[in-house]
Amino acid sequence: MINVHIRPAVATDLPRLMGLDHTSTSDYVWQLDLRKENGQILAGFREVRLPRPINVSYPRDPFALADEWTQRSATFIALAGDVPLGYVCILEHSHATTAWITDLVVDAESRRQGIGSALLHAAQDWAISRSARDIFLEMPSKNHPAIRLALKFGFEFCGYNDHYYVTQDVALFFGRSLL
């Protein structure tokens, strides 16, 4: 595990964060099975192993971070020395006492070394300090590593939207109580 320092991001961090590799690779996908029958709508997901790994594009434009980060409630950066390895963006919904993780990015070369976990811990600690009752994560159904991370942290599947991302990927939502 790399020695990582987590701190709030500042404007001068943005060019380096936008330059991180935002793509991921997946061997699995959560496949949506949507059926309408007898006045019911039945939605189910099943984990399907793909015949070969696929590259998963990031569902947002990484360069929009420069314009959107001030609209986020918090952005934290993971650093090894002065090298950025990843970041997490959080949006607070104070009327519902919830925190929403909109972005969780770890540079491709630094994955599977605990950086995503450290960023997720920082986001949860921040949300607890703000008296959030719940925290939510969103991710494309093709991002199996992110799904596994969410499940590892005790997040539970709580919904989906098949028209959420511009990329037309199905968005999955996971949440957990912070109480």
N, C-alpha and C. Protein backbone atom coordinates (compact mmCIF):
# COMPACT_ATOMS: atom_id res chain seq x y z
N MET A 1 0.83 -1.18 0.00
CA MET A 1 0.00 0.00 0.00
C MET A 1 0.88 1.25 0.00
N ILE A 2 0.53 2.19 -0.83
CA ILE A 2 1.26 3.44 -0.96
C ILE A 2 0.93 4.35 0.22
N ASN A 3 1.90 5.11 0.71
CA ASN A 3 1.65 6.11 1.73
C ASN A 3 0.94 7.29 1.07
N VAL A 4 -0.34 7.47 1.39
CA VAL A 4 -1.18 8.47 0.74
C VAL A 4 -1.59 9.54 1.73
N HIS A 5 -1.54 10.77 1.28
CA HIS A 5 -2.03 11.91 2.06
C HIS A 5 -3.30 12.42 1.38
N ILE A 6 -4.37 12.58 2.15
CA ILE A 6 -5.64 13.08 1.63
C ILE A 6 -5.82 14.50 2.16
N ARG A 7 -6.14 15.43 1.27
CA ARG A 7 -6.41 16.81 1.68
C ARG A 7 -7.45 17.41 0.76
N PRO A 8 -8.07 18.52 1.18
CA PRO A 8 -9.01 19.20 0.28
C PRO A 8 -8.29 19.69 -0.98
N ALA A 9 -8.95 19.59 -2.10
CA ALA A 9 -8.36 20.07 -3.35
C ALA A 9 -8.42 21.58 -3.42
N VAL A 10 -7.47 22.17 -4.12
CA VAL A 10 -7.45 23.60 -4.38
C VAL A 10 -7.40 23.80 -5.90
N ALA A 11 -7.68 25.00 -6.33
CA ALA A 11 -7.78 25.29 -7.76
C ALA A 11 -6.54 24.87 -8.54
N THR A 12 -5.36 25.01 -7.96
CA THR A 12 -4.14 24.66 -8.69
C THR A 12 -3.99 23.15 -8.89
N ASP A 13 -4.79 22.34 -8.18
CA ASP A 13 -4.77 20.88 -8.36
C ASP A 13 -5.52 20.45 -9.61
N LEU A 14 -6.46 21.25 -10.07
CA LEU A 14 -7.39 20.82 -11.10
C LEU A 14 -6.74 20.34 -12.40
N PRO A 15 -5.76 21.03 -12.96
CA PRO A 15 -5.16 20.51 -14.20
C PRO A 15 -4.58 19.11 -14.04
N ARG A 16 -3.96 18.85 -12.88
CA ARG A 16 -3.39 17.52 -12.67
C ARG A 16 -4.48 16.47 -12.46
N LEU A 17 -5.57 16.84 -11.81
CA LEU A 17 -6.68 15.89 -11.60
C LEU A 17 -7.37 15.56 -12.92
N MET A 18 -7.54 16.57 -13.76
CA MET A 18 -8.17 16.33 -15.07
C MET A 18 -7.29 15.44 -15.94
N GLY A 19 -5.97 15.46 -15.69
CA GLY A 19 -5.04 14.67 -16.48
C GLY A 19 -4.93 13.21 -16.05
N LEU A 20 -5.57 12.83 -14.94
CA LEU A 20 -5.54 11.43 -14.50
C LEU A 20 -6.28 10.56 -15.51
N ASP A 21 -5.91 9.30 -15.56
CA ASP A 21 -6.60 8.35 -16.43
C ASP A 21 -7.93 7.98 -15.77
N HIS A 22 -9.03 8.45 -16.34
CA HIS A 22 -10.37 8.24 -15.77
C HIS A 22 -11.04 6.96 -16.27
N THR A 23 -10.45 6.28 -17.24
CA THR A 23 -11.07 5.06 -17.77
C THR A 23 -10.84 3.90 -16.81
N SER A 24 -11.61 2.86 -16.98
CA SER A 24 -11.39 1.65 -16.19
C SER A 24 -11.57 0.43 -17.09
N THR A 25 -11.20 -0.71 -16.58
CA THR A 25 -11.35 -1.97 -17.30
C THR A 25 -12.21 -2.88 -16.45
N SER A 26 -13.07 -3.65 -17.12
CA SER A 26 -13.97 -4.52 -16.39
C SER A 26 -14.11 -5.87 -17.08
N ASP A 27 -14.19 -6.92 -16.27
CA ASP A 27 -14.45 -8.27 -16.77
C ASP A 27 -15.92 -8.65 -16.61
N TYR A 28 -16.68 -7.80 -15.90
CA TYR A 28 -18.08 -8.07 -15.60
C TYR A 28 -18.91 -6.84 -15.88
N VAL A 29 -20.22 -7.05 -16.01
CA VAL A 29 -21.17 -5.96 -16.12
C VAL A 29 -22.42 -6.36 -15.36
N TRP A 30 -23.09 -5.40 -14.78
CA TRP A 30 -24.40 -5.67 -14.19
C TRP A 30 -25.41 -5.45 -15.30
N GLN A 31 -26.00 -6.51 -15.76
CA GLN A 31 -26.93 -6.45 -16.89
C GLN A 31 -28.35 -6.24 -16.38
N LEU A 32 -29.02 -5.24 -16.96
CA LEU A 32 -30.39 -4.90 -16.60
C LEU A 32 -31.37 -5.78 -17.36
N ASP A 33 -32.30 -6.38 -16.64
CA ASP A 33 -33.38 -7.15 -17.23
C ASP A 33 -34.67 -6.46 -16.83
N LEU A 34 -35.31 -5.77 -17.77
CA LEU A 34 -36.52 -5.00 -17.50
C LEU A 34 -37.69 -5.64 -18.24
N ARG A 35 -38.71 -6.03 -17.48
CA ARG A 35 -39.88 -6.68 -18.08
C ARG A 35 -41.15 -5.99 -17.59
N LYS A 36 -42.09 -5.86 -18.51
CA LYS A 36 -43.41 -5.32 -18.17
C LYS A 36 -44.42 -6.43 -18.43
N GLU A 37 -45.14 -6.83 -17.37
CA GLU A 37 -46.12 -7.89 -17.53
C GLU A 37 -47.18 -7.78 -16.44
N ASN A 38 -48.41 -8.03 -16.83
CA ASN A 38 -49.54 -8.06 -15.90
C ASN A 38 -49.61 -6.85 -14.97
N GLY A 39 -49.45 -5.66 -15.53
CA GLY A 39 -49.53 -4.44 -14.73
C GLY A 39 -48.36 -4.22 -13.81
N GLN A 40 -47.28 -4.94 -14.01
CA GLN A 40 -46.08 -4.79 -13.18
C GLN A 40 -44.89 -4.45 -14.05
N ILE A 41 -43.98 -3.77 -13.45
CA ILE A 41 -42.67 -3.56 -14.08
C ILE A 41 -41.66 -4.25 -13.19
N LEU A 42 -40.96 -5.20 -13.75
CA LEU A 42 -39.97 -5.97 -13.00
C LEU A 42 -38.58 -5.62 -13.50
N ALA A 43 -37.74 -5.14 -12.59
CA ALA A 43 -36.36 -4.79 -12.94
C ALA A 43 -35.43 -5.67 -12.12
N GLY A 44 -34.48 -6.25 -12.80
CA GLY A 44 -33.49 -7.08 -12.11
C GLY A 44 -32.12 -6.87 -12.72
N PHE A 45 -31.12 -7.07 -11.91
CA PHE A 45 -29.75 -6.98 -12.38
C PHE A 45 -29.06 -8.30 -12.09
N ARG A 46 -28.22 -8.69 -13.00
CA ARG A 46 -27.40 -9.87 -12.76
C ARG A 46 -25.99 -9.57 -13.22
N GLU A 47 -25.06 -10.10 -12.45
CA GLU A 47 -23.65 -9.93 -12.77
C GLU A 47 -23.30 -10.92 -13.87
N VAL A 48 -22.79 -10.40 -14.97
CA VAL A 48 -22.47 -11.23 -16.13
C VAL A 48 -20.98 -11.10 -16.42
N ARG A 49 -20.30 -12.23 -16.51
CA ARG A 49 -18.88 -12.22 -16.90
C ARG A 49 -18.81 -12.01 -18.41
N LEU A 50 -17.98 -11.08 -18.82
CA LEU A 50 -17.82 -10.76 -20.23
C LEU A 50 -16.81 -11.71 -20.87
N PRO A 51 -16.93 -11.94 -22.17
CA PRO A 51 -16.00 -12.86 -22.84
C PRO A 51 -14.56 -12.34 -22.84
N ARG A 52 -14.41 -11.03 -22.73
CA ARG A 52 -13.08 -10.41 -22.66
C ARG A 52 -13.23 -9.08 -21.92
N PRO A 53 -12.17 -8.59 -21.33
CA PRO A 53 -12.25 -7.31 -20.61
C PRO A 53 -12.65 -6.17 -21.56
N ILE A 54 -13.41 -5.23 -21.03
CA ILE A 54 -13.79 -4.05 -21.81
C ILE A 54 -13.23 -2.81 -21.14
N ASN A 55 -12.96 -1.80 -21.93
CA ASN A 55 -12.59 -0.50 -21.41
C ASN A 55 -13.87 0.29 -21.17
N VAL A 56 -13.96 0.87 -20.00
CA VAL A 56 -15.13 1.63 -19.61
C VAL A 56 -14.76 3.11 -19.60
N SER A 57 -15.41 3.88 -20.44
CA SER A 57 -15.18 5.32 -20.47
C SER A 57 -15.77 5.97 -19.23
N TYR A 58 -15.14 7.03 -18.78
CA TYR A 58 -15.70 7.77 -17.65
C TYR A 58 -16.99 8.44 -18.11
N PRO A 59 -18.04 8.39 -17.31
CA PRO A 59 -19.34 8.88 -17.78
C PRO A 59 -19.48 10.40 -17.86
N ARG A 60 -18.50 11.12 -17.35
CA ARG A 60 -18.51 12.58 -17.42
C ARG A 60 -17.24 13.06 -18.11
N ASP A 61 -17.29 14.28 -18.60
CA ASP A 61 -16.11 14.88 -19.19
C ASP A 61 -15.15 15.30 -18.08
N PRO A 62 -13.98 14.68 -17.97
CA PRO A 62 -13.06 15.05 -16.90
C PRO A 62 -12.67 16.52 -16.91
N PHE A 63 -12.71 17.14 -18.07
CA PHE A 63 -12.32 18.54 -18.17
C PHE A 63 -13.40 19.48 -17.64
N ALA A 64 -14.61 18.97 -17.43
CA ALA A 64 -15.67 19.77 -16.82
C ALA A 64 -15.40 20.00 -15.34
N LEU A 65 -14.48 19.23 -14.77
CA LEU A 65 -14.13 19.39 -13.37
C LEU A 65 -13.71 20.82 -13.07
N ALA A 66 -13.01 21.46 -13.99
CA ALA A 66 -12.56 22.84 -13.78
C ALA A 66 -13.73 23.80 -13.58
N ASP A 67 -14.84 23.56 -14.26
CA ASP A 67 -16.01 24.42 -14.14
C ASP A 67 -16.94 24.00 -13.00
N GLU A 68 -16.99 22.71 -12.71
CA GLU A 68 -17.99 22.19 -11.78
C GLU A 68 -17.52 22.04 -10.34
N TRP A 69 -16.23 22.05 -10.09
CA TRP A 69 -15.75 21.71 -8.76
C TRP A 69 -16.20 22.71 -7.70
N THR A 70 -16.42 23.97 -8.08
CA THR A 70 -16.90 24.95 -7.10
C THR A 70 -18.36 24.72 -6.74
N GLN A 71 -19.08 23.95 -7.56
CA GLN A 71 -20.47 23.61 -7.26
C GLN A 71 -20.56 22.39 -6.34
N ARG A 72 -19.48 21.70 -6.14
CA ARG A 72 -19.44 20.56 -5.24
C ARG A 72 -19.26 21.07 -3.81
N SER A 73 -19.74 20.30 -2.87
CA SER A 73 -19.60 20.70 -1.47
C SER A 73 -18.19 20.46 -0.96
N ALA A 74 -17.53 19.43 -1.48
CA ALA A 74 -16.16 19.13 -1.09
C ALA A 74 -15.49 18.31 -2.19
N THR A 75 -14.20 18.53 -2.36
CA THR A 75 -13.38 17.71 -3.24
C THR A 75 -12.08 17.43 -2.50
N PHE A 76 -11.75 16.14 -2.40
CA PHE A 76 -10.52 15.73 -1.74
C PHE A 76 -9.60 15.08 -2.76
N ILE A 77 -8.31 15.28 -2.55
CA ILE A 77 -7.29 14.73 -3.44
C ILE A 77 -6.40 13.78 -2.66
N ALA A 78 -6.01 12.69 -3.30
CA ALA A 78 -5.05 11.74 -2.72
C ALA A 78 -3.70 12.01 -3.36
N LEU A 79 -2.69 12.16 -2.54
CA LEU A 79 -1.34 12.48 -3.01
C LEU A 79 -0.33 11.50 -2.44
N ALA A 80 0.66 11.16 -3.24
CA ALA A 80 1.86 10.47 -2.79
C ALA A 80 2.98 11.48 -3.01
N GLY A 81 3.43 12.08 -1.92
CA GLY A 81 4.33 13.23 -2.06
C GLY A 81 3.52 14.37 -2.64
N ASP A 82 3.95 14.86 -3.80
CA ASP A 82 3.15 15.90 -4.46
C ASP A 82 2.50 15.39 -5.74
N VAL A 83 2.47 14.06 -5.92
CA VAL A 83 1.89 13.45 -7.12
C VAL A 83 0.43 13.08 -6.85
N PRO A 84 -0.50 13.65 -7.62
CA PRO A 84 -1.92 13.30 -7.42
C PRO A 84 -2.20 11.88 -7.94
N LEU A 85 -2.91 11.11 -7.12
CA LEU A 85 -3.24 9.73 -7.48
C LEU A 85 -4.73 9.54 -7.69
N GLY A 86 -5.53 10.46 -7.16
CA GLY A 86 -6.98 10.33 -7.29
C GLY A 86 -7.70 11.45 -6.59
N TYR A 87 -9.02 11.45 -6.75
CA TYR A 87 -9.84 12.46 -6.08
C TYR A 87 -11.26 11.94 -5.91
N VAL A 88 -11.98 12.60 -5.00
CA VAL A 88 -13.39 12.32 -4.76
C VAL A 88 -14.11 13.65 -4.65
N CYS A 89 -15.27 13.74 -5.30
CA CYS A 89 -16.12 14.93 -5.21
C CYS A 89 -17.41 14.56 -4.50
N ILE A 90 -17.86 15.44 -3.61
CA ILE A 90 -19.05 15.17 -2.81
C ILE A 90 -20.01 16.34 -2.94
N LEU A 91 -21.27 16.02 -3.07
CA LEU A 91 -22.33 17.01 -3.12
C LEU A 91 -23.23 16.78 -1.93
N GLU A 92 -23.42 17.83 -1.14
CA GLU A 92 -24.24 17.72 0.06
C GLU A 92 -25.66 18.19 -0.25
N HIS A 93 -26.61 17.39 0.19
CA HIS A 93 -28.02 17.78 0.09
C HIS A 93 -28.50 17.99 1.52
N SER A 94 -28.34 19.21 2.02
CA SER A 94 -28.62 19.48 3.44
C SER A 94 -30.10 19.32 3.78
N HIS A 95 -30.98 19.58 2.82
CA HIS A 95 -32.41 19.43 3.11
C HIS A 95 -32.77 17.97 3.36
N ALA A 96 -32.01 17.06 2.82
CA ALA A 96 -32.27 15.64 3.02
C ALA A 96 -31.20 14.99 3.89
N THR A 97 -30.29 15.79 4.41
CA THR A 97 -29.15 15.33 5.21
C THR A 97 -28.44 14.14 4.56
N THR A 98 -28.14 14.28 3.28
CA THR A 98 -27.43 13.23 2.55
C THR A 98 -26.19 13.81 1.88
N ALA A 99 -25.25 12.93 1.64
CA ALA A 99 -24.05 13.28 0.86
C ALA A 99 -24.03 12.35 -0.34
N TRP A 100 -23.67 12.92 -1.48
CA TRP A 100 -23.69 12.19 -2.75
C TRP A 100 -22.29 12.25 -3.34
N ILE A 101 -21.65 11.09 -3.50
CA ILE A 101 -20.34 11.05 -4.13
C ILE A 101 -20.57 11.02 -5.63
N THR A 102 -20.20 12.11 -6.29
CA THR A 102 -20.43 12.22 -7.73
C THR A 102 -19.25 11.73 -8.55
N ASP A 103 -18.07 11.78 -7.97
CA ASP A 103 -16.86 11.35 -8.68
C ASP A 103 -15.93 10.66 -7.69
N LEU A 104 -15.41 9.53 -8.09
CA LEU A 104 -14.37 8.83 -7.33
C LEU A 104 -13.41 8.28 -8.37
N VAL A 105 -12.24 8.92 -8.47
CA VAL A 105 -11.29 8.60 -9.54
C VAL A 105 -9.93 8.27 -8.94
N VAL A 106 -9.36 7.16 -9.38
CA VAL A 106 -7.98 6.81 -9.04
C VAL A 106 -7.27 6.56 -10.36
N ASP A 107 -6.11 7.18 -10.52
CA ASP A 107 -5.34 7.02 -11.74
C ASP A 107 -5.07 5.53 -11.99
N ALA A 108 -5.14 5.12 -13.25
CA ALA A 108 -5.04 3.70 -13.61
C ALA A 108 -3.80 3.02 -13.03
N GLU A 109 -2.68 3.69 -13.03
CA GLU A 109 -1.44 3.07 -12.54
C GLU A 109 -1.41 2.91 -11.03
N SER A 110 -2.32 3.56 -10.32
CA SER A 110 -2.32 3.53 -8.85
C SER A 110 -3.47 2.74 -8.26
N ARG A 111 -4.23 2.06 -9.09
CA ARG A 111 -5.39 1.32 -8.59
C ARG A 111 -4.98 0.05 -7.84
N ARG A 112 -5.91 -0.42 -7.01
CA ARG A 112 -5.76 -1.65 -6.22
C ARG A 112 -4.63 -1.54 -5.19
N GLN A 113 -4.45 -0.29 -4.70
CA GLN A 113 -3.44 -0.04 -3.68
C GLN A 113 -4.02 0.69 -2.47
N GLY A 114 -5.35 0.72 -2.37
CA GLY A 114 -6.00 1.33 -1.21
C GLY A 114 -6.33 2.80 -1.35
N ILE A 115 -6.06 3.39 -2.49
CA ILE A 115 -6.30 4.82 -2.67
C ILE A 115 -7.79 5.12 -2.75
N GLY A 116 -8.53 4.32 -3.50
CA GLY A 116 -9.98 4.50 -3.57
C GLY A 116 -10.62 4.35 -2.20
N SER A 117 -10.14 3.37 -1.44
CA SER A 117 -10.65 3.17 -0.08
C SER A 117 -10.35 4.38 0.81
N ALA A 118 -9.14 4.91 0.71
CA ALA A 118 -8.77 6.09 1.50
C ALA A 118 -9.64 7.29 1.14
N LEU A 119 -9.90 7.47 -0.15
CA LEU A 119 -10.76 8.57 -0.58
C LEU A 119 -12.20 8.37 -0.11
N LEU A 120 -12.67 7.14 -0.16
CA LEU A 120 -14.03 6.84 0.29
C LEU A 120 -14.15 7.07 1.80
N HIS A 121 -13.12 6.69 2.56
CA HIS A 121 -13.10 6.97 4.01
C HIS A 121 -13.16 8.48 4.25
N ALA A 122 -12.37 9.24 3.49
CA ALA A 122 -12.36 10.69 3.66
C ALA A 122 -13.74 11.29 3.37
N ALA A 123 -14.39 10.79 2.33
CA ALA A 123 -15.73 11.29 1.98
C ALA A 123 -16.73 10.96 3.09
N GLN A 124 -16.65 9.73 3.61
CA GLN A 124 -17.57 9.35 4.69
C GLN A 124 -17.30 10.17 5.95
N ASP A 125 -16.03 10.38 6.30
CA ASP A 125 -15.69 11.19 7.48
C ASP A 125 -16.20 12.61 7.32
N TRP A 126 -16.04 13.17 6.12
CA TRP A 126 -16.53 14.53 5.86
C TRP A 126 -18.05 14.57 6.01
N ALA A 127 -18.75 13.59 5.45
CA ALA A 127 -20.21 13.56 5.52
C ALA A 127 -20.68 13.44 6.97
N ILE A 128 -20.01 12.61 7.76
CA ILE A 128 -20.37 12.46 9.17
C ILE A 128 -20.15 13.78 9.91
N SER A 129 -19.05 14.47 9.60
CA SER A 129 -18.76 15.76 10.26
C SER A 129 -19.81 16.82 9.91
N ARG A 130 -20.51 16.61 8.80
CA ARG A 130 -21.56 17.55 8.35
C ARG A 130 -22.95 17.06 8.80
N SER A 131 -22.99 16.03 9.62
CA SER A 131 -24.23 15.45 10.15
C SER A 131 -25.11 14.81 9.08
N ALA A 132 -24.49 14.32 8.02
CA ALA A 132 -25.26 13.59 7.01
C ALA A 132 -25.72 12.27 7.60
N ARG A 133 -26.91 11.88 7.26
CA ARG A 133 -27.46 10.61 7.76
C ARG A 133 -27.14 9.47 6.80
N ASP A 134 -27.05 9.78 5.51
CA ASP A 134 -26.82 8.76 4.48
C ASP A 134 -25.81 9.28 3.48
N ILE A 135 -25.17 8.32 2.80
CA ILE A 135 -24.22 8.66 1.74
C ILE A 135 -24.51 7.76 0.55
N PHE A 136 -24.40 8.32 -0.64
CA PHE A 136 -24.72 7.60 -1.87
C PHE A 136 -23.56 7.69 -2.84
N LEU A 137 -23.45 6.65 -3.66
CA LEU A 137 -22.47 6.57 -4.74
C LEU A 137 -23.20 6.29 -6.04
N GLU A 138 -22.69 6.79 -7.11
CA GLU A 138 -23.24 6.47 -8.44
C GLU A 138 -22.10 5.95 -9.30
N MET A 139 -22.46 5.04 -10.23
CA MET A 139 -21.45 4.51 -11.13
C MET A 139 -22.11 3.83 -12.32
N PRO A 140 -21.42 3.74 -13.45
CA PRO A 140 -21.96 2.99 -14.59
C PRO A 140 -22.03 1.49 -14.25
N SER A 141 -23.00 0.82 -14.83
CA SER A 141 -23.17 -0.62 -14.58
C SER A 141 -22.00 -1.45 -15.08
N LYS A 142 -21.17 -0.86 -15.93
CA LYS A 142 -20.00 -1.57 -16.46
C LYS A 142 -18.77 -1.43 -15.58
N ASN A 143 -18.83 -0.57 -14.56
CA ASN A 143 -17.65 -0.32 -13.72
C ASN A 143 -17.63 -1.30 -12.54
N HIS A 144 -17.30 -2.54 -12.84
CA HIS A 144 -17.29 -3.60 -11.84
C HIS A 144 -16.36 -3.31 -10.67
N PRO A 145 -15.15 -2.76 -10.88
CA PRO A 145 -14.29 -2.47 -9.73
C PRO A 145 -14.95 -1.48 -8.76
N ALA A 146 -15.65 -0.47 -9.27
CA ALA A 146 -16.33 0.49 -8.39
C ALA A 146 -17.49 -0.17 -7.65
N ILE A 147 -18.21 -1.05 -8.31
CA ILE A 147 -19.30 -1.78 -7.66
C ILE A 147 -18.75 -2.62 -6.51
N ARG A 148 -17.65 -3.31 -6.76
CA ARG A 148 -17.04 -4.14 -5.71
C ARG A 148 -16.58 -3.29 -4.53
N LEU A 149 -16.02 -2.10 -4.81
CA LEU A 149 -15.58 -1.21 -3.74
C LEU A 149 -16.78 -0.77 -2.90
N ALA A 150 -17.87 -0.39 -3.57
CA ALA A 150 -19.08 0.04 -2.85
C ALA A 150 -19.59 -1.09 -1.94
N LEU A 151 -19.66 -2.29 -2.46
CA LEU A 151 -20.14 -3.42 -1.67
C LEU A 151 -19.21 -3.72 -0.50
N LYS A 152 -17.90 -3.60 -0.72
CA LYS A 152 -16.91 -3.82 0.33
C LYS A 152 -17.12 -2.85 1.49
N PHE A 153 -17.56 -1.63 1.19
CA PHE A 153 -17.77 -0.60 2.20
C PHE A 153 -19.17 -0.63 2.81
N GLY A 154 -19.94 -1.66 2.47
CA GLY A 154 -21.27 -1.79 3.07
C GLY A 154 -22.36 -1.02 2.38
N PHE A 155 -22.08 -0.50 1.20
CA PHE A 155 -23.12 0.17 0.44
C PHE A 155 -24.05 -0.89 -0.14
N GLU A 156 -25.32 -0.56 -0.26
CA GLU A 156 -26.30 -1.48 -0.82
C GLU A 156 -26.90 -0.87 -2.08
N PHE A 157 -27.18 -1.71 -3.04
CA PHE A 157 -27.83 -1.26 -4.27
C PHE A 157 -29.17 -0.63 -3.90
N CYS A 158 -29.44 0.55 -4.41
CA CYS A 158 -30.69 1.23 -4.05
C CYS A 158 -31.41 1.84 -5.26
N GLY A 159 -30.91 1.62 -6.48
CA GLY A 159 -31.64 2.11 -7.64
C GLY A 159 -30.77 2.22 -8.88
N TYR A 160 -31.42 2.60 -9.95
CA TYR A 160 -30.73 2.77 -11.22
C TYR A 160 -31.47 3.80 -12.06
N ASN A 161 -30.79 4.27 -13.10
CA ASN A 161 -31.40 5.15 -14.09
C ASN A 161 -30.74 4.82 -15.43
N ASP A 162 -31.56 4.39 -16.39
CA ASP A 162 -30.96 3.99 -17.67
C ASP A 162 -30.80 5.16 -18.65
N HIS A 163 -31.09 6.39 -18.21
CA HIS A 163 -30.89 7.58 -19.05
C HIS A 163 -30.15 8.67 -18.26
N TYR A 164 -29.27 8.28 -17.39
CA TYR A 164 -28.61 9.22 -16.48
C TYR A 164 -27.37 9.86 -17.09
N TYR A 165 -26.55 9.06 -17.73
CA TYR A 165 -25.29 9.54 -18.28
C TYR A 165 -25.43 9.87 -19.76
N VAL A 166 -24.65 10.85 -20.20
CA VAL A 166 -24.61 11.21 -21.62
C VAL A 166 -24.11 10.02 -22.45
N THR A 167 -23.30 9.16 -21.85
CA THR A 167 -22.74 8.00 -22.54
C THR A 167 -23.79 6.91 -22.79
N GLN A 168 -24.97 7.08 -22.25
CA GLN A 168 -26.07 6.12 -22.35
C GLN A 168 -25.85 4.85 -21.52
N ASP A 169 -24.82 4.84 -20.66
CA ASP A 169 -24.62 3.73 -19.75
C ASP A 169 -25.68 3.79 -18.66
N VAL A 170 -26.07 2.63 -18.17
CA VAL A 170 -27.00 2.57 -17.05
C VAL A 170 -26.25 3.00 -15.78
N ALA A 171 -26.84 3.93 -15.03
CA ALA A 171 -26.25 4.37 -13.77
C ALA A 171 -26.81 3.51 -12.64
N LEU A 172 -25.94 3.04 -11.79
CA LEU A 172 -26.33 2.30 -10.59
C LEU A 172 -26.10 3.19 -9.39
N PHE A 173 -27.00 3.10 -8.42
CA PHE A 173 -26.90 3.90 -7.20
C PHE A 173 -26.79 2.96 -6.00
N PHE A 174 -25.84 3.25 -5.15
CA PHE A 174 -25.61 2.49 -3.93
C PHE A 174 -25.62 3.47 -2.77
N GLY A 175 -26.17 3.06 -1.65
CA GLY A 175 -26.24 3.93 -0.49
C GLY A 175 -26.00 3.18 0.81
N ARG A 176 -25.70 3.95 1.84
CA ARG A 176 -25.57 3.36 3.18
C ARG A 176 -25.83 4.43 4.22
N SER A 177 -26.31 3.97 5.35
CA SER A 177 -26.57 4.86 6.48
C SER A 177 -25.24 5.18 7.17
N LEU A 178 -25.14 6.40 7.66
CA LEU A 178 -23.95 6.81 8.40
C LEU A 178 -24.20 6.84 9.90
N LEU A 179 -25.40 6.48 10.31
CA LEU A 179 -25.75 6.52 11.74
C LEU A 179 -25.30 5.27 12.45
